[in-house]
Amino acid sequence: MSALIDLNVSVQADDFDVGLELQRLRAATPQAGALVNFVGLVRELSAAGQLSEMVIEHYPGMTEKALQQIALQAAQRWPLLGVRMIHRVGRLPAQAQIVLVAATSLHRQAAFEASAFMMDYLKTEAPFWKKEVGDFGQHWVEARASDEQAKQQWQKNSGKSPK
């Protein structure tokens, strides 16, 4: 079990400043030797065609709780010091930031693996619904088998990177 000392998750419509969020996480975990982060963006192209925006809906209260549970699971598997997870909702134009996942640890491998784990679980376990809008019209995004397979690899490896 990790000595997780800083856990901050949020679901918000407003954009976020990656630099500021990482600075806050570093300040909260000064003993960290590694900080790893991932930022997800709205693609300009999807399998359906040119994308103009994505509409992301969520279940308030339940979504935040799911994100916290994902972060806590990561902290049980790796010696994390801090986690910052932000997921945006609402209408997001192409190239807008959607998600930030960041983790601090004493060493890089734990921070890398925990961040990958959190993204894989976020994609399959967090209650978000995404609608793509573009030159093709609009459609709800279906769950991808590859996302479920990525999550299952973590279950098979119980805490180790699914290489």
N, C-alpha and C. Protein backbone atom coordinates (compact mmCIF):
# COMPACT_ATOMS: atom_id res chain seq x y z
N MET A 1 0.84 -1.19 0.00
CA MET A 1 0.00 0.00 0.00
C MET A 1 0.88 1.24 0.00
N SER A 2 0.47 2.19 -0.79
CA SER A 2 1.22 3.43 -0.92
C SER A 2 0.94 4.38 0.23
N ALA A 3 1.85 5.30 0.43
CA ALA A 3 1.66 6.38 1.38
C ALA A 3 1.16 7.59 0.61
N LEU A 4 0.11 7.40 -0.16
CA LEU A 4 -0.46 8.46 -0.99
C LEU A 4 -0.81 9.65 -0.11
N ILE A 5 -0.22 10.79 -0.40
CA ILE A 5 -0.45 11.95 0.45
C ILE A 5 -1.22 13.05 -0.26
N ASP A 6 -1.37 12.97 -1.58
CA ASP A 6 -2.10 14.00 -2.30
C ASP A 6 -2.93 13.33 -3.39
N LEU A 7 -4.24 13.37 -3.23
CA LEU A 7 -5.16 12.80 -4.21
C LEU A 7 -6.15 13.89 -4.58
N ASN A 8 -6.15 14.27 -5.85
CA ASN A 8 -7.03 15.34 -6.29
C ASN A 8 -7.63 14.94 -7.63
N VAL A 9 -8.95 14.72 -7.65
CA VAL A 9 -9.66 14.41 -8.88
C VAL A 9 -10.75 15.43 -9.09
N SER A 10 -11.02 15.74 -10.36
CA SER A 10 -12.12 16.64 -10.65
C SER A 10 -12.70 16.37 -12.03
N VAL A 11 -13.98 16.66 -12.13
CA VAL A 11 -14.71 16.61 -13.38
C VAL A 11 -15.21 18.03 -13.59
N GLN A 12 -14.88 18.63 -14.73
CA GLN A 12 -15.17 20.04 -14.91
C GLN A 12 -15.37 20.39 -16.37
N ALA A 13 -16.12 21.45 -16.62
CA ALA A 13 -16.31 21.95 -17.98
C ALA A 13 -15.13 22.82 -18.41
N ASP A 14 -14.55 23.55 -17.46
CA ASP A 14 -13.46 24.48 -17.77
C ASP A 14 -12.18 23.75 -18.16
N ASP A 15 -11.41 24.40 -19.04
CA ASP A 15 -10.11 23.88 -19.42
C ASP A 15 -9.18 23.94 -18.21
N PHE A 16 -8.05 23.26 -18.30
CA PHE A 16 -7.07 23.25 -17.22
C PHE A 16 -5.71 23.65 -17.77
N ASP A 17 -4.89 24.17 -16.88
CA ASP A 17 -3.53 24.57 -17.20
C ASP A 17 -2.61 23.43 -16.74
N VAL A 18 -2.08 22.68 -17.70
CA VAL A 18 -1.25 21.51 -17.36
C VAL A 18 -0.08 21.91 -16.48
N GLY A 19 0.62 22.97 -16.85
CA GLY A 19 1.78 23.41 -16.07
C GLY A 19 1.42 23.74 -14.64
N LEU A 20 0.32 24.45 -14.45
CA LEU A 20 -0.12 24.80 -13.10
C LEU A 20 -0.50 23.56 -12.30
N GLU A 21 -1.21 22.61 -12.93
CA GLU A 21 -1.62 21.40 -12.22
C GLU A 21 -0.40 20.57 -11.81
N LEU A 22 0.59 20.47 -12.68
CA LEU A 22 1.80 19.71 -12.35
C LEU A 22 2.60 20.43 -11.26
N GLN A 23 2.63 21.75 -11.31
CA GLN A 23 3.31 22.53 -10.27
C GLN A 23 2.65 22.28 -8.91
N ARG A 24 1.32 22.25 -8.89
CA ARG A 24 0.60 21.99 -7.63
C ARG A 24 0.90 20.59 -7.09
N LEU A 25 0.94 19.62 -7.99
CA LEU A 25 1.24 18.24 -7.57
C LEU A 25 2.66 18.14 -7.04
N ARG A 26 3.61 18.79 -7.72
CA ARG A 26 5.01 18.80 -7.24
C ARG A 26 5.12 19.45 -5.87
N ALA A 27 4.43 20.57 -5.67
CA ALA A 27 4.48 21.26 -4.39
C ALA A 27 3.89 20.41 -3.27
N ALA A 28 2.87 19.62 -3.59
CA ALA A 28 2.23 18.77 -2.57
C ALA A 28 3.04 17.53 -2.25
N THR A 29 3.97 17.16 -3.14
CA THR A 29 4.77 15.94 -2.95
C THR A 29 6.25 16.25 -3.19
N PRO A 30 6.85 17.07 -2.34
CA PRO A 30 8.23 17.51 -2.57
C PRO A 30 9.26 16.38 -2.51
N GLN A 31 8.94 15.25 -1.89
CA GLN A 31 9.88 14.15 -1.81
C GLN A 31 9.88 13.28 -3.07
N ALA A 32 9.02 13.59 -4.05
CA ALA A 32 8.92 12.79 -5.27
C ALA A 32 10.21 12.87 -6.09
N GLY A 33 10.56 11.74 -6.69
CA GLY A 33 11.68 11.67 -7.60
C GLY A 33 11.21 11.56 -9.05
N ALA A 34 9.90 11.39 -9.23
CA ALA A 34 9.35 11.24 -10.58
C ALA A 34 7.95 11.81 -10.63
N LEU A 35 7.65 12.44 -11.74
CA LEU A 35 6.30 12.91 -12.03
C LEU A 35 6.02 12.54 -13.48
N VAL A 36 4.97 11.75 -13.69
CA VAL A 36 4.58 11.34 -15.04
C VAL A 36 3.19 11.86 -15.29
N ASN A 37 2.95 12.37 -16.52
CA ASN A 37 1.61 12.85 -16.84
C ASN A 37 1.22 12.49 -18.26
N PHE A 38 -0.07 12.44 -18.46
CA PHE A 38 -0.67 12.19 -19.77
C PHE A 38 -1.78 13.20 -19.96
N VAL A 39 -1.84 13.79 -21.16
CA VAL A 39 -2.91 14.70 -21.52
C VAL A 39 -3.59 14.14 -22.77
N GLY A 40 -4.90 13.90 -22.68
CA GLY A 40 -5.67 13.44 -23.83
C GLY A 40 -6.35 14.61 -24.50
N LEU A 41 -6.42 14.57 -25.84
CA LEU A 41 -6.97 15.65 -26.65
C LEU A 41 -8.12 15.15 -27.51
N VAL A 42 -9.01 16.05 -27.91
CA VAL A 42 -10.06 15.73 -28.87
C VAL A 42 -9.38 15.62 -30.24
N ARG A 43 -9.52 14.49 -30.87
CA ARG A 43 -8.93 14.29 -32.20
C ARG A 43 -9.66 15.13 -33.25
N GLU A 44 -8.96 15.50 -34.30
CA GLU A 44 -9.61 16.19 -35.42
C GLU A 44 -10.25 15.19 -36.38
N LEU A 45 -9.74 13.97 -36.39
CA LEU A 45 -10.28 12.92 -37.25
C LEU A 45 -10.73 11.75 -36.40
N SER A 46 -11.84 11.15 -36.79
CA SER A 46 -12.28 9.91 -36.16
C SER A 46 -12.54 8.91 -37.27
N ALA A 47 -12.92 7.71 -36.89
CA ALA A 47 -13.21 6.69 -37.90
C ALA A 47 -14.36 7.14 -38.81
N ALA A 48 -15.23 8.01 -38.30
CA ALA A 48 -16.39 8.47 -39.06
C ALA A 48 -16.07 9.63 -40.01
N GLY A 49 -15.00 10.37 -39.75
CA GLY A 49 -14.64 11.50 -40.61
C GLY A 49 -14.05 12.66 -39.83
N GLN A 50 -14.13 13.86 -40.42
CA GLN A 50 -13.60 15.08 -39.81
C GLN A 50 -14.44 15.47 -38.60
N LEU A 51 -13.78 15.68 -37.49
CA LEU A 51 -14.47 15.99 -36.23
C LEU A 51 -14.42 17.50 -35.98
N SER A 52 -15.55 18.08 -35.58
CA SER A 52 -15.55 19.49 -35.20
C SER A 52 -15.59 19.65 -33.69
N GLU A 53 -16.25 18.70 -33.01
CA GLU A 53 -16.31 18.75 -31.55
C GLU A 53 -16.71 17.40 -30.99
N MET A 54 -16.50 17.28 -29.68
CA MET A 54 -16.96 16.12 -28.94
C MET A 54 -17.79 16.62 -27.77
N VAL A 55 -18.90 15.96 -27.54
CA VAL A 55 -19.75 16.29 -26.40
C VAL A 55 -19.59 15.17 -25.39
N ILE A 56 -19.17 15.53 -24.18
CA ILE A 56 -18.93 14.52 -23.14
C ILE A 56 -19.91 14.75 -22.00
N GLU A 57 -20.66 13.71 -21.68
CA GLU A 57 -21.61 13.75 -20.58
C GLU A 57 -21.14 12.81 -19.48
N HIS A 58 -21.62 13.05 -18.27
CA HIS A 58 -21.23 12.20 -17.15
C HIS A 58 -22.37 12.12 -16.14
N TYR A 59 -22.18 11.28 -15.15
CA TYR A 59 -23.15 11.11 -14.08
C TYR A 59 -22.54 11.79 -12.85
N PRO A 60 -22.96 13.03 -12.55
CA PRO A 60 -22.36 13.78 -11.44
C PRO A 60 -22.38 13.00 -10.12
N GLY A 61 -21.32 13.10 -9.39
CA GLY A 61 -21.19 12.38 -8.12
C GLY A 61 -20.63 10.99 -8.33
N MET A 62 -21.27 10.22 -9.16
CA MET A 62 -20.79 8.87 -9.46
C MET A 62 -19.47 8.91 -10.22
N THR A 63 -19.33 9.84 -11.14
CA THR A 63 -18.11 9.93 -11.94
C THR A 63 -16.91 10.29 -11.08
N GLU A 64 -17.06 11.29 -10.22
CA GLU A 64 -15.96 11.68 -9.34
C GLU A 64 -15.55 10.53 -8.42
N LYS A 65 -16.54 9.81 -7.93
CA LYS A 65 -16.26 8.66 -7.06
C LYS A 65 -15.50 7.58 -7.83
N ALA A 66 -15.87 7.35 -9.07
CA ALA A 66 -15.17 6.35 -9.90
C ALA A 66 -13.72 6.76 -10.12
N LEU A 67 -13.48 8.05 -10.39
CA LEU A 67 -12.11 8.51 -10.59
C LEU A 67 -11.29 8.34 -9.31
N GLN A 68 -11.88 8.64 -8.16
CA GLN A 68 -11.17 8.45 -6.89
C GLN A 68 -10.83 6.99 -6.67
N GLN A 69 -11.75 6.10 -6.98
CA GLN A 69 -11.51 4.67 -6.80
C GLN A 69 -10.38 4.19 -7.71
N ILE A 70 -10.33 4.69 -8.92
CA ILE A 70 -9.25 4.32 -9.85
C ILE A 70 -7.91 4.77 -9.28
N ALA A 71 -7.85 6.01 -8.78
CA ALA A 71 -6.61 6.52 -8.20
C ALA A 71 -6.20 5.71 -6.97
N LEU A 72 -7.16 5.35 -6.14
CA LEU A 72 -6.85 4.56 -4.95
C LEU A 72 -6.38 3.15 -5.31
N GLN A 73 -6.95 2.57 -6.35
CA GLN A 73 -6.47 1.25 -6.82
C GLN A 73 -5.02 1.35 -7.27
N ALA A 74 -4.70 2.42 -7.99
CA ALA A 74 -3.32 2.61 -8.43
C ALA A 74 -2.39 2.74 -7.23
N ALA A 75 -2.83 3.47 -6.21
CA ALA A 75 -2.02 3.67 -5.01
C ALA A 75 -1.83 2.37 -4.23
N GLN A 76 -2.75 1.43 -4.38
CA GLN A 76 -2.59 0.12 -3.73
C GLN A 76 -1.58 -0.74 -4.46
N ARG A 77 -1.40 -0.51 -5.76
CA ARG A 77 -0.49 -1.31 -6.57
C ARG A 77 0.93 -0.76 -6.63
N TRP A 78 1.05 0.58 -6.57
CA TRP A 78 2.36 1.23 -6.71
C TRP A 78 2.57 2.23 -5.58
N PRO A 79 3.80 2.50 -5.22
CA PRO A 79 4.09 3.44 -4.13
C PRO A 79 3.99 4.90 -4.60
N LEU A 80 2.76 5.35 -4.77
CA LEU A 80 2.52 6.71 -5.25
C LEU A 80 2.51 7.71 -4.09
N LEU A 81 2.94 8.91 -4.40
CA LEU A 81 2.88 10.00 -3.43
C LEU A 81 1.71 10.92 -3.72
N GLY A 82 1.40 11.08 -4.99
CA GLY A 82 0.31 11.97 -5.37
C GLY A 82 -0.29 11.61 -6.71
N VAL A 83 -1.56 11.99 -6.87
CA VAL A 83 -2.28 11.77 -8.12
C VAL A 83 -3.11 13.02 -8.41
N ARG A 84 -3.09 13.43 -9.65
CA ARG A 84 -3.98 14.50 -10.12
C ARG A 84 -4.69 13.97 -11.35
N MET A 85 -6.02 13.98 -11.31
CA MET A 85 -6.81 13.48 -12.43
C MET A 85 -7.92 14.50 -12.70
N ILE A 86 -7.95 15.01 -13.92
CA ILE A 86 -8.99 15.96 -14.34
C ILE A 86 -9.61 15.42 -15.62
N HIS A 87 -10.92 15.40 -15.67
CA HIS A 87 -11.62 15.02 -16.90
C HIS A 87 -12.65 16.09 -17.19
N ARG A 88 -12.63 16.58 -18.41
CA ARG A 88 -13.57 17.63 -18.80
C ARG A 88 -14.86 17.04 -19.34
N VAL A 89 -15.93 17.82 -19.23
CA VAL A 89 -17.23 17.46 -19.77
C VAL A 89 -17.79 18.66 -20.54
N GLY A 90 -18.83 18.40 -21.32
CA GLY A 90 -19.46 19.47 -22.10
C GLY A 90 -19.04 19.39 -23.55
N ARG A 91 -19.19 20.50 -24.25
CA ARG A 91 -18.84 20.60 -25.67
C ARG A 91 -17.37 21.01 -25.80
N LEU A 92 -16.57 20.16 -26.41
CA LEU A 92 -15.14 20.42 -26.55
C LEU A 92 -14.76 20.42 -28.03
N PRO A 93 -14.17 21.51 -28.52
CA PRO A 93 -13.78 21.55 -29.93
C PRO A 93 -12.58 20.64 -30.21
N ALA A 94 -12.38 20.35 -31.48
CA ALA A 94 -11.22 19.55 -31.89
C ALA A 94 -9.95 20.18 -31.33
N GLN A 95 -9.05 19.34 -30.85
CA GLN A 95 -7.76 19.68 -30.24
C GLN A 95 -7.85 20.20 -28.81
N ALA A 96 -9.05 20.28 -28.25
CA ALA A 96 -9.19 20.69 -26.84
C ALA A 96 -8.65 19.58 -25.93
N GLN A 97 -8.17 19.98 -24.77
CA GLN A 97 -7.74 19.01 -23.76
C GLN A 97 -8.98 18.37 -23.16
N ILE A 98 -8.93 17.03 -23.02
CA ILE A 98 -10.03 16.30 -22.39
C ILE A 98 -9.64 15.86 -20.99
N VAL A 99 -8.46 15.26 -20.87
CA VAL A 99 -8.11 14.59 -19.62
C VAL A 99 -6.65 14.82 -19.27
N LEU A 100 -6.41 14.93 -17.97
CA LEU A 100 -5.05 14.95 -17.41
C LEU A 100 -4.98 13.87 -16.35
N VAL A 101 -3.98 13.02 -16.47
CA VAL A 101 -3.67 12.04 -15.43
C VAL A 101 -2.19 12.24 -15.09
N ALA A 102 -1.91 12.46 -13.81
CA ALA A 102 -0.53 12.66 -13.37
C ALA A 102 -0.30 11.91 -12.07
N ALA A 103 0.91 11.40 -11.90
CA ALA A 103 1.26 10.67 -10.68
C ALA A 103 2.69 11.00 -10.29
N THR A 104 2.91 11.12 -8.98
CA THR A 104 4.27 11.27 -8.45
C THR A 104 4.60 10.06 -7.60
N SER A 105 5.88 9.73 -7.60
CA SER A 105 6.40 8.61 -6.84
C SER A 105 7.87 8.88 -6.56
N LEU A 106 8.47 8.05 -5.74
CA LEU A 106 9.90 8.19 -5.50
C LEU A 106 10.70 7.85 -6.75
N HIS A 107 10.18 6.90 -7.56
CA HIS A 107 10.90 6.40 -8.72
C HIS A 107 10.02 6.39 -9.96
N ARG A 108 10.63 6.50 -11.13
CA ARG A 108 9.90 6.68 -12.38
C ARG A 108 9.02 5.50 -12.78
N GLN A 109 9.48 4.28 -12.58
CA GLN A 109 8.71 3.13 -13.06
C GLN A 109 7.32 3.07 -12.44
N ALA A 110 7.24 3.32 -11.15
CA ALA A 110 5.93 3.32 -10.48
C ALA A 110 5.03 4.41 -11.05
N ALA A 111 5.58 5.60 -11.28
CA ALA A 111 4.78 6.70 -11.81
C ALA A 111 4.31 6.40 -13.24
N PHE A 112 5.19 5.82 -14.08
CA PHE A 112 4.81 5.46 -15.45
C PHE A 112 3.70 4.41 -15.44
N GLU A 113 3.92 3.33 -14.70
CA GLU A 113 2.95 2.24 -14.71
C GLU A 113 1.61 2.67 -14.11
N ALA A 114 1.65 3.40 -13.03
CA ALA A 114 0.41 3.85 -12.39
C ALA A 114 -0.37 4.77 -13.32
N SER A 115 0.31 5.65 -14.03
CA SER A 115 -0.38 6.55 -14.96
C SER A 115 -1.04 5.77 -16.09
N ALA A 116 -0.34 4.80 -16.64
CA ALA A 116 -0.92 3.97 -17.71
C ALA A 116 -2.12 3.19 -17.19
N PHE A 117 -1.98 2.61 -16.00
CA PHE A 117 -3.07 1.88 -15.37
C PHE A 117 -4.30 2.78 -15.20
N MET A 118 -4.09 3.99 -14.66
CA MET A 118 -5.22 4.89 -14.42
C MET A 118 -5.92 5.26 -15.72
N MET A 119 -5.17 5.50 -16.80
CA MET A 119 -5.82 5.81 -18.07
C MET A 119 -6.59 4.61 -18.61
N ASP A 120 -6.01 3.43 -18.52
CA ASP A 120 -6.72 2.23 -19.01
C ASP A 120 -8.01 2.00 -18.24
N TYR A 121 -7.98 2.20 -16.94
CA TYR A 121 -9.18 2.01 -16.13
C TYR A 121 -10.17 3.15 -16.32
N LEU A 122 -9.67 4.36 -16.47
CA LEU A 122 -10.56 5.50 -16.71
C LEU A 122 -11.37 5.27 -17.99
N LYS A 123 -10.73 4.75 -19.02
CA LYS A 123 -11.42 4.52 -20.30
C LYS A 123 -12.53 3.49 -20.20
N THR A 124 -12.46 2.58 -19.24
CA THR A 124 -13.45 1.50 -19.16
C THR A 124 -14.35 1.57 -17.94
N GLU A 125 -13.92 2.22 -16.87
CA GLU A 125 -14.67 2.18 -15.61
C GLU A 125 -15.37 3.49 -15.23
N ALA A 126 -14.95 4.60 -15.79
CA ALA A 126 -15.56 5.89 -15.42
C ALA A 126 -16.81 6.13 -16.27
N PRO A 127 -17.90 6.56 -15.65
CA PRO A 127 -19.16 6.76 -16.39
C PRO A 127 -19.18 8.07 -17.18
N PHE A 128 -18.59 8.02 -18.38
CA PHE A 128 -18.62 9.12 -19.33
C PHE A 128 -19.27 8.61 -20.61
N TRP A 129 -19.99 9.50 -21.28
CA TRP A 129 -20.57 9.19 -22.57
C TRP A 129 -20.11 10.27 -23.54
N LYS A 130 -19.61 9.82 -24.70
CA LYS A 130 -19.00 10.75 -25.66
C LYS A 130 -19.73 10.68 -27.00
N LYS A 131 -20.07 11.86 -27.50
CA LYS A 131 -20.71 11.98 -28.81
C LYS A 131 -19.78 12.78 -29.72
N GLU A 132 -19.46 12.21 -30.88
CA GLU A 132 -18.65 12.91 -31.87
C GLU A 132 -19.56 13.67 -32.82
N VAL A 133 -19.14 14.90 -33.15
CA VAL A 133 -19.90 15.75 -34.07
C VAL A 133 -18.93 16.20 -35.16
N GLY A 134 -19.35 16.05 -36.42
CA GLY A 134 -18.46 16.45 -37.51
C GLY A 134 -19.14 16.47 -38.84
N ASP A 135 -18.35 16.39 -39.92
CA ASP A 135 -18.90 16.45 -41.26
C ASP A 135 -19.78 15.24 -41.59
N PHE A 136 -19.77 14.25 -40.77
CA PHE A 136 -20.54 13.02 -40.92
C PHE A 136 -21.87 13.08 -40.16
N GLY A 137 -22.10 14.17 -39.44
CA GLY A 137 -23.27 14.27 -38.56
C GLY A 137 -22.82 14.10 -37.13
N GLN A 138 -23.53 13.28 -36.37
CA GLN A 138 -23.12 13.01 -34.99
C GLN A 138 -23.47 11.58 -34.62
N HIS A 139 -22.67 11.02 -33.72
CA HIS A 139 -22.95 9.67 -33.21
C HIS A 139 -22.27 9.48 -31.86
N TRP A 140 -22.85 8.63 -31.04
CA TRP A 140 -22.27 8.28 -29.74
C TRP A 140 -21.13 7.32 -29.97
N VAL A 141 -20.06 7.50 -29.22
CA VAL A 141 -18.87 6.66 -29.34
C VAL A 141 -19.11 5.36 -28.58
N GLU A 142 -18.88 4.27 -29.27
CA GLU A 142 -19.03 2.94 -28.67
C GLU A 142 -17.78 2.58 -27.86
N ALA A 143 -17.96 1.76 -26.86
CA ALA A 143 -16.81 1.23 -26.11
C ALA A 143 -15.94 0.44 -27.08
N ARG A 144 -14.63 0.55 -26.90
CA ARG A 144 -13.69 -0.15 -27.79
C ARG A 144 -13.17 -1.41 -27.11
N ALA A 145 -13.13 -2.48 -27.87
CA ALA A 145 -12.61 -3.75 -27.35
C ALA A 145 -11.16 -3.59 -26.91
N SER A 146 -10.39 -2.76 -27.60
CA SER A 146 -8.97 -2.58 -27.25
C SER A 146 -8.81 -1.93 -25.87
N ASP A 147 -9.76 -1.06 -25.49
CA ASP A 147 -9.70 -0.46 -24.15
C ASP A 147 -9.94 -1.52 -23.08
N GLU A 148 -10.90 -2.38 -23.31
CA GLU A 148 -11.19 -3.46 -22.36
C GLU A 148 -10.02 -4.44 -22.27
N GLN A 149 -9.39 -4.73 -23.41
CA GLN A 149 -8.23 -5.62 -23.41
C GLN A 149 -7.07 -5.01 -22.63
N ALA A 150 -6.87 -3.71 -22.78
CA ALA A 150 -5.79 -3.03 -22.04
C ALA A 150 -6.05 -3.15 -20.54
N LYS A 151 -7.29 -2.96 -20.11
CA LYS A 151 -7.63 -3.08 -18.69
C LYS A 151 -7.39 -4.52 -18.21
N GLN A 152 -7.79 -5.48 -19.01
CA GLN A 152 -7.63 -6.89 -18.62
C GLN A 152 -6.17 -7.29 -18.47
N GLN A 153 -5.28 -6.68 -19.22
CA GLN A 153 -3.85 -6.97 -19.08
C GLN A 153 -3.36 -6.62 -17.68
N TRP A 154 -3.89 -5.54 -17.09
CA TRP A 154 -3.50 -5.17 -15.73
C TRP A 154 -4.00 -6.20 -14.73
N GLN A 155 -5.17 -6.77 -15.00
CA GLN A 155 -5.71 -7.78 -14.09
C GLN A 155 -4.86 -9.04 -14.14
N LYS A 156 -4.37 -9.40 -15.32
CA LYS A 156 -3.52 -10.58 -15.48
C LYS A 156 -2.17 -10.39 -14.81
N ASN A 157 -1.67 -9.16 -14.85
CA ASN A 157 -0.32 -8.89 -14.35
C ASN A 157 -0.32 -8.34 -12.94
N SER A 158 -1.46 -8.18 -12.35
CA SER A 158 -1.65 -7.71 -10.97
C SER A 158 -0.55 -6.78 -10.46
N GLY A 159 -0.46 -5.63 -11.12
CA GLY A 159 0.44 -4.60 -10.62
C GLY A 159 1.68 -4.38 -11.45
N LYS A 160 1.91 -5.21 -12.42
CA LYS A 160 3.09 -5.02 -13.28
C LYS A 160 2.62 -4.53 -14.64
N SER A 161 3.49 -3.82 -15.32
CA SER A 161 3.19 -3.30 -16.65
C SER A 161 2.87 -4.44 -17.60
N PRO A 162 1.76 -4.29 -18.40
CA PRO A 162 1.38 -5.36 -19.33
C PRO A 162 2.18 -5.32 -20.61
N LYS A 163 3.43 -5.76 -20.54
CA LYS A 163 4.32 -5.71 -21.71
C LYS A 163 4.24 -6.98 -22.50
